[in-house]
Protein backbone atom coordinates (compact mmCIF):
# COMPACT_ATOMS: atom_id res chain seq x y z
CA MET A 1 11.96 -12.82 22.92
CA LYS A 2 11.36 -12.03 19.37
CA LYS A 3 9.01 -13.89 17.11
CA THR A 4 9.46 -14.68 14.02
CA ILE A 5 6.59 -15.96 12.10
CA VAL A 6 5.89 -15.75 8.29
CA LEU A 7 2.79 -13.99 6.89
CA ILE A 8 3.21 -14.06 3.18
CA PHE A 9 0.33 -12.46 0.63
CA ALA A 10 -0.17 -11.08 -2.39
CA VAL A 11 -2.57 -7.99 -2.63
CA CYS A 12 -4.09 -6.40 -5.50
CA PHE A 13 -7.43 -4.80 -4.69
CA PHE A 14 -9.54 -2.11 -5.90
CA ALA A 15 -9.14 1.01 -3.79
CA GLY A 16 -11.90 3.48 -2.56
CA ILE A 17 -11.57 1.18 0.19
CA THR A 18 -12.66 3.38 2.46
CA ALA A 19 -16.21 3.48 1.39
CA TYR A 20 -16.73 -0.34 1.95
CA ALA A 21 -16.46 0.11 6.00
CA ALA A 22 -18.61 -0.93 7.99
CA ASP A 23 -20.00 1.24 10.78
CA ARG A 24 -17.97 2.14 13.56
CA PRO A 25 -19.19 3.52 17.06
CA PHE A 26 -17.57 7.02 17.68
CA SER A 27 -15.79 5.46 20.55
CA VAL A 28 -14.01 2.12 21.03
CA PRO A 29 -13.14 0.62 24.62
CA ALA A 30 -9.16 0.55 25.31
CA LYS A 31 -7.40 -2.69 25.37
CA SER A 32 -6.18 -4.42 28.45
CA PRO A 33 -3.55 -4.47 28.70
CA LYS A 34 -2.92 -1.82 26.52
CA ILE A 35 0.81 -2.68 25.82
CA ASN A 36 0.95 -5.58 23.47
CA PRO A 37 2.62 -8.47 24.55
CA LEU A 38 5.01 -8.76 22.10
CA LEU A 39 5.96 -5.24 22.42
CA LEU A 40 6.83 -5.41 26.12
CA ASP A 41 9.28 -8.45 25.03
CA ARG A 42 11.08 -6.31 22.53
CA VAL A 43 11.24 -3.18 25.04
CA GLN A 44 13.17 -5.58 27.47
CA GLU A 45 15.82 -5.87 24.88
CA LEU A 46 16.47 -2.11 24.38
CA SER A 47 19.41 0.21 25.50
CA ILE A 48 18.47 3.17 27.05
CA GLU A 49 19.20 5.10 23.80
CA GLU A 50 17.66 2.72 21.35
CA LYS A 51 14.56 3.74 19.64
CA ILE A 52 11.06 1.62 18.71
CA LYS A 53 8.73 2.23 16.37
CA VAL A 54 5.30 1.54 17.32
CA TRP A 55 1.63 1.80 16.38
CA VAL A 56 -0.51 4.19 18.81
CA PHE A 57 -4.03 3.21 17.83
CA PHE A 58 -6.90 5.75 19.27
CA THR A 59 -10.40 4.77 21.24
CA ASP A 60 -11.92 7.92 18.90
CA LYS A 61 -11.33 10.72 16.92
CA GLY A 62 -12.82 13.21 19.10
CA MET A 63 -16.07 13.44 18.32
CA PHE A 64 -19.08 11.71 19.91
CA ASP A 65 -22.39 12.83 18.38
CA SER A 66 -23.99 12.30 14.97
CA THR A 67 -24.37 16.13 14.59
CA THR A 68 -20.09 16.57 14.72
CA PHE A 69 -19.98 13.66 12.74
CA ASN A 70 -22.55 14.54 9.82
CA ASN A 71 -21.04 18.03 9.57
CA VAL A 72 -17.39 16.37 9.17
CA ILE A 73 -18.64 13.90 7.03
CA ASP A 74 -20.47 16.98 4.72
CA ASN A 75 -17.08 18.96 4.71
CA LEU A 76 -15.07 15.83 3.15
CA ARG A 77 -17.75 15.59 0.31
CA GLN A 78 -18.04 19.13 -0.51
CA GLN A 79 -14.25 18.85 -0.94
CA ALA A 80 -14.26 15.65 -2.78
CA SER A 81 -13.51 15.90 -6.66
CA PRO A 82 -15.89 14.59 -9.48
CA ARG A 83 -13.86 11.64 -10.10
CA THR A 84 -13.71 10.73 -6.33
CA ILE A 85 -17.33 10.84 -5.90
CA ALA A 86 -17.87 8.76 -9.30
CA ARG A 87 -15.39 6.33 -8.12
CA ARG A 88 -16.86 5.83 -4.75
CA ARG A 89 -20.58 5.75 -6.15
CA ASN A 90 -19.29 2.82 -8.48
CA ARG A 91 -17.71 0.50 -5.76
CA ALA A 92 -19.63 1.63 -2.93
CA LYS A 93 -21.77 -1.01 -0.94
CA LYS A 94 -24.07 1.37 0.77
CA ASP A 95 -25.27 5.08 -0.43
CA GLU A 96 -22.78 6.74 2.17
CA LEU A 97 -19.75 7.61 0.32
CA PHE A 98 -17.75 9.15 3.16
CA ASP A 99 -17.78 7.38 6.72
CA PHE A 100 -15.74 7.23 9.66
CA TYR A 101 -12.36 5.94 7.91
CA ASP A 102 -12.25 8.86 6.04
CA ILE A 103 -11.78 11.31 8.79
CA PRO A 104 -8.36 12.45 10.07
CA VAL A 105 -6.96 11.41 13.36
CA ASN A 106 -7.66 14.02 15.84
CA GLN A 107 -4.64 16.44 15.99
CA ASP A 108 -5.23 17.40 19.53
CA TYR A 109 -4.38 13.77 20.49
CA LEU A 110 -1.12 14.19 17.98
CA ASN A 111 -0.30 17.18 20.17
CA GLN A 112 -0.62 15.33 23.47
CA LEU A 113 2.28 12.56 22.16
CA ARG A 114 4.63 14.74 20.85
CA ASN A 115 4.45 16.97 24.31
CA ILE A 116 5.49 13.26 25.67
CA GLY A 117 8.62 13.29 23.60
CA VAL A 118 8.02 10.83 20.54
CA LYS A 119 8.52 11.48 17.06
CA ILE A 120 5.23 10.91 14.75
CA VAL A 121 6.15 9.04 11.87
CA ARG A 122 2.70 8.25 9.82
CA GLN A 123 -0.69 9.12 10.29
CA SER A 124 -3.52 6.82 9.14
CA ARG A 125 -7.39 7.54 9.26
CA TRP A 126 -8.07 4.54 8.11
CA LEU A 127 -6.64 2.69 11.28
CA ASN A 128 -7.14 5.67 13.94
CA ALA A 129 -3.69 5.59 14.56
CA VAL A 130 -0.41 6.87 14.22
CA SER A 131 3.21 4.89 14.33
CA VAL A 132 5.21 7.07 16.38
CA LEU A 133 9.40 6.54 17.24
CA THR A 134 9.89 6.41 21.31
CA ASP A 135 12.47 5.02 24.15
CA LYS A 136 11.47 2.65 26.07
CA PHE A 137 10.50 4.74 29.03
CA SER A 138 7.73 6.64 27.01
CA ILE A 139 5.89 3.73 26.26
CA GLN A 140 4.53 4.01 29.47
CA SER A 141 3.65 7.62 29.41
CA ILE A 142 1.97 6.84 25.80
CA ALA A 143 -0.35 4.19 27.45
CA GLY A 144 -1.19 6.19 30.05
CA LEU A 145 -3.14 8.87 28.02
CA PRO A 146 -7.08 8.08 28.00
CA PHE A 147 -7.65 8.29 24.28
CA VAL A 148 -4.91 5.48 23.72
CA ALA A 149 -6.81 2.23 23.07
CA GLU A 150 -3.44 -0.04 22.03
CA ILE A 151 0.49 -0.18 21.42
CA ARG A 152 1.84 -2.60 19.37
CA PRO A 153 5.07 -2.98 17.31
CA VAL A 154 5.01 -2.02 13.58
CA ALA A 155 5.79 -5.33 11.81
CA VAL A 156 8.46 -5.44 9.16
CA ALA A 157 8.45 -7.63 6.07
CA ARG A 158 11.66 -9.11 4.84
CA ARG A 159 12.71 -10.98 1.88
CA LYS A 160 15.73 -11.68 0.34
CA PRO A 161 16.31 -9.60 -2.65
CA GLU A 162 15.73 -10.88 -6.30
CA LYS A 163 19.08 -11.08 -8.41
CA ILE A 164 18.03 -10.13 -11.75
CA GLU A 165 20.39 -10.99 -14.82
CA PRO A 166 19.72 -9.88 -18.39
CA VAL A 167 18.99 -12.99 -20.71
CA ASN A 168 18.67 -13.71 -24.61
CA ILE A 169 14.98 -14.83 -25.37
CA PRO A 170 15.18 -17.93 -27.27
CA GLU A 171 12.58 -18.00 -30.42
CA MET A 172 9.47 -19.08 -29.58
CA PRO A 173 8.72 -22.98 -30.15
CA ASP A 174 6.13 -23.77 -32.53
CA THR A 175 3.89 -25.34 -29.47
CA PHE A 176 3.87 -21.85 -28.08
CA LYS A 177 3.03 -19.98 -31.59
CA PRO A 178 -0.52 -18.04 -31.73
CA ASP A 179 -3.58 -19.46 -32.65
CA ALA A 180 -4.93 -18.91 -36.17
CA ALA A 181 -7.76 -16.40 -34.59
CA ILE A 182 -4.59 -14.10 -33.99
CA PRO A 183 -2.61 -13.14 -37.27
CA ASP A 184 1.07 -13.29 -36.92
CA SER A 185 1.40 -9.44 -37.46
CA VAL A 186 -0.67 -8.79 -34.14
CA ALA A 187 1.38 -11.33 -32.22
CA ASP A 188 4.84 -10.06 -33.62
CA TRP A 189 3.26 -6.55 -32.57
CA TYR A 190 3.64 -7.73 -28.71
CA GLY A 191 6.96 -9.23 -29.10
CA ASN A 192 8.24 -11.83 -26.32
CA SER A 193 4.97 -10.56 -24.15
CA PHE A 194 2.79 -12.27 -26.29
CA THR A 195 3.06 -15.71 -24.67
CA GLN A 196 1.93 -14.48 -21.46
CA LEU A 197 -0.78 -12.04 -22.36
CA ASP A 198 -2.31 -14.46 -24.61
CA LEU A 199 -2.75 -16.97 -21.69
CA THR A 200 -5.43 -14.72 -20.24
CA ASN A 201 -6.88 -13.34 -23.72
CA ILE A 202 -5.53 -9.82 -23.20
CA PRO A 203 -4.52 -9.50 -26.53
CA LEU A 204 -8.19 -10.56 -27.65
CA LEU A 205 -9.45 -7.64 -25.06
CA HIS A 206 -6.97 -5.24 -26.60
CA GLN A 207 -8.66 -5.56 -30.11
CA PHE A 208 -12.25 -4.85 -28.32
CA GLY A 209 -10.49 -1.59 -27.01
CA TYR A 210 -9.80 -2.82 -23.16
CA THR A 211 -6.37 -1.32 -22.71
CA GLY A 212 -7.01 0.13 -19.21
CA GLU A 213 -8.28 3.69 -20.74
CA GLY A 214 -9.81 5.38 -17.46
CA VAL A 215 -8.26 3.53 -14.93
CA ARG A 216 -5.70 4.34 -12.51
CA ILE A 217 -3.32 1.81 -11.11
CA ALA A 218 -1.10 2.31 -7.96
CA LEU A 219 2.13 0.35 -7.81
CA LEU A 220 3.73 -0.33 -4.38
CA ASP A 221 7.14 -1.55 -4.70
CA ALA A 222 11.05 -1.04 -4.28
CA GLY A 223 11.42 1.53 -6.68
CA PHE A 224 10.82 2.58 -10.57
CA GLU A 225 13.71 3.32 -13.01
CA LEU A 226 11.14 5.60 -15.55
CA ASN A 227 14.00 6.83 -17.84
CA LEU A 228 13.32 4.14 -20.30
CA PRO A 229 12.14 4.02 -23.53
CA ILE A 230 9.63 1.45 -22.63
CA PHE A 231 7.57 3.79 -20.29
CA ASP A 232 8.17 7.00 -22.95
CA SER A 233 4.16 6.75 -23.55
CA LEU A 234 3.34 6.11 -19.68
CA ASN A 235 0.60 7.71 -18.50
CA PHE A 236 1.92 8.88 -15.29
CA ILE A 237 0.35 10.89 -12.32
CA ASP A 238 2.06 10.86 -9.87
CA GLN A 239 5.00 9.44 -7.57
CA TYR A 240 6.44 9.17 -3.68
CA ASP A 241 8.87 7.58 -1.87
CA PHE A 242 7.52 6.35 1.40
CA VAL A 243 11.28 5.38 2.65
CA ASP A 244 13.08 8.42 2.35
CA ASP A 245 10.23 10.86 2.36
CA ASP A 246 10.80 12.31 -0.96
CA PRO A 247 8.75 12.82 -4.27
CA ILE A 248 10.87 10.60 -6.25
CA ALA A 249 9.73 6.65 -6.08
CA LYS A 250 12.93 5.67 -6.71
CA ASP A 251 16.38 4.44 -4.83
CA GLU A 252 18.51 7.07 -5.92
CA ASN A 253 21.48 5.24 -4.09
CA SER A 254 21.84 2.16 -6.04
CA ALA A 255 19.69 1.41 -9.57
CA ASP A 256 19.70 -2.67 -8.98
CA GLU A 257 17.15 -1.70 -6.29
CA ASN A 258 14.50 -0.48 -8.67
CA ASN A 259 14.60 -3.71 -10.78
CA HIS A 260 11.68 -5.13 -9.13
CA GLY A 261 9.52 -2.20 -9.29
CA THR A 262 10.19 -1.51 -12.94
CA LEU A 263 9.65 -5.02 -14.30
CA VAL A 264 6.04 -4.91 -12.79
CA LEU A 265 5.48 -1.42 -14.21
CA SER A 266 6.76 -2.65 -17.15
CA THR A 267 4.76 -5.73 -16.96
CA ILE A 268 1.34 -3.82 -16.79
CA GLY A 269 2.26 -0.71 -18.33
CA GLY A 270 4.88 -0.96 -20.99
CA PHE A 271 4.37 0.15 -24.26
CA ALA A 272 7.52 -0.88 -26.83
CA PRO A 273 6.06 -2.21 -30.03
CA ASP A 274 7.33 -5.32 -31.72
CA ASN A 275 9.28 -5.65 -27.89
CA LEU A 276 7.20 -5.75 -25.05
CA ILE A 277 3.58 -4.36 -24.70
CA GLY A 278 1.77 -4.15 -21.02
CA ALA A 279 -1.48 -5.44 -20.13
CA ALA A 280 -3.12 -2.06 -19.32
CA TYR A 281 -0.67 0.55 -21.03
CA ASP A 282 -3.28 2.62 -21.66
CA ALA A 283 -3.90 3.36 -17.76
CA GLU A 284 -2.91 5.95 -15.52
CA TYR A 285 -0.27 5.06 -12.90
CA LEU A 286 0.99 6.14 -9.23
CA LEU A 287 4.08 5.19 -8.21
CA ALA A 288 5.04 4.36 -4.49
CA ARG A 289 8.26 3.18 -3.21
CA THR A 290 7.36 1.48 0.45
CA GLU A 291 10.60 -1.11 0.35
CA PHE A 292 13.99 -0.62 1.32
CA ILE A 293 16.24 -3.26 -0.10
CA GLY A 294 19.63 -4.18 1.47
CA SER A 295 20.70 -7.18 2.43
CA GLU A 296 17.26 -8.21 2.59
CA THR A 297 14.27 -6.36 1.23
CA GLU A 298 12.28 -4.60 4.10
CA VAL A 299 9.00 -3.01 4.21
CA GLU A 300 7.44 -1.27 7.18
CA GLU A 301 3.98 -1.91 7.33
CA ASP A 302 3.12 1.77 8.36
CA ASN A 303 4.67 2.78 5.41
CA TRP A 304 2.44 0.39 3.21
CA VAL A 305 -0.58 1.58 5.16
CA ALA A 306 0.70 5.57 4.52
CA ALA A 307 1.22 4.29 0.53
CA ALA A 308 -2.23 2.78 0.08
CA GLU A 309 -4.00 5.70 1.87
CA TRP A 310 -1.92 8.01 -0.45
CA ALA A 311 -3.26 6.07 -3.39
CA ASP A 312 -6.83 6.27 -2.26
CA SER A 313 -6.16 10.15 -1.79
CA MET A 314 -5.01 10.35 -5.50
CA GLU A 315 -8.21 8.66 -6.52
CA ALA A 316 -6.46 4.94 -7.59
CA ASP A 317 -8.87 2.17 -9.04
CA ILE A 318 -6.71 -0.47 -8.09
CA ILE A 319 -3.42 -1.19 -5.92
CA SER A 320 -1.21 -3.61 -6.81
CA THR A 321 1.22 -5.10 -4.26
CA SER A 322 3.36 -8.11 -2.67
CA LEU A 323 3.98 -8.62 1.01
CA GLY A 324 5.52 -11.11 3.41
CA TYR A 325 5.67 -10.27 7.22
CA TYR A 326 8.29 -12.27 9.19
CA ASP A 327 8.13 -10.27 12.52
CA TRP A 328 5.61 -10.01 15.60
CA TYR A 329 2.66 -12.00 14.37
CA GLU A 330 1.63 -15.35 15.69
CA TYR A 331 0.10 -18.05 13.49
CA SER A 332 -3.17 -17.42 15.55
CA ASP A 333 -2.67 -13.82 14.14
CA LEU A 334 -3.15 -15.18 10.56
CA ASP A 335 -6.86 -14.46 10.68
CA GLY A 336 -7.49 -11.29 8.27
CA ASN A 337 -8.54 -9.46 11.16
CA THR A 338 -5.15 -8.86 13.23
CA ALA A 339 -2.32 -7.94 10.94
CA VAL A 340 -2.57 -3.99 10.51
CA VAL A 341 -1.74 -4.55 6.49
CA THR A 342 -4.93 -6.83 6.50
CA ILE A 343 -7.13 -4.54 8.30
CA ALA A 344 -6.26 -1.50 6.22
CA ALA A 345 -7.01 -3.83 3.00
CA ASP A 346 -9.99 -4.90 4.21
CA LEU A 347 -11.66 -1.49 4.84
């Protein structure tokens, strides 16, 4: 039976998170049973031709001694950019800047999965897992592999899409006019964004020079429309579409589906004096499309994890996202240690 439980949370966390992870043994025991009971329920509903996307977690990364592990870590350190080293030194809670969670999944394990006939969709070094597309008959074959620790469904977040209509903003009431400490000329420069920014003293921080310069922010959302005057001066670094697997983080079939991500980006990084000023208009930006908007907005958690790892590899300092998961998780799973995106965010 399909489980429908809601997990809703908003995440805005410092990246470089792999540097925070606690030590992990080289190998973990397989779960018993390996196949999650919720997956068994779902598999019974599948037709012969139907495919399902599942997580396959591994027991290890193919290394079982300190010498091999240290050699791999040394190679990662040598390949890292100066920015990566500096970022991890600033945020690490321990001396080791790289650890088990930075090591890719074992490629031999992937080849053995391919030999079974499954399609590998995403790879996660943080989770030591892959998401795969498989039929109902191959799941038992996957479970029979000695390096497989667990198989569970890939959860999907769903929410009703927001209807966004242009509005005429009335003149600001006197009760919301800026304090005497901020001249009218400064408030006017912020345009309609002044009131919300002033709630957290951001205009004052801007006057002290804190405009986001030197900070790299990754946004994970439903798509972005960058061909707008408000983004003419955006410090744009890179983008990727994890829904359609292409280099443009935009739904190119429907402009409306890029509304939410565009609004979020404008709130943070927009720059149009006398109209709208973002809170961190001098920051650098990475954009990832992780959501598909149809009758409902859908986010598959493996795409979210892939985007978060991409952001980390692109040296993001902050990741901004929002999620709501409906399928597969029970209330007892809402413990911060079970949902895949929570595990990834905590590392």
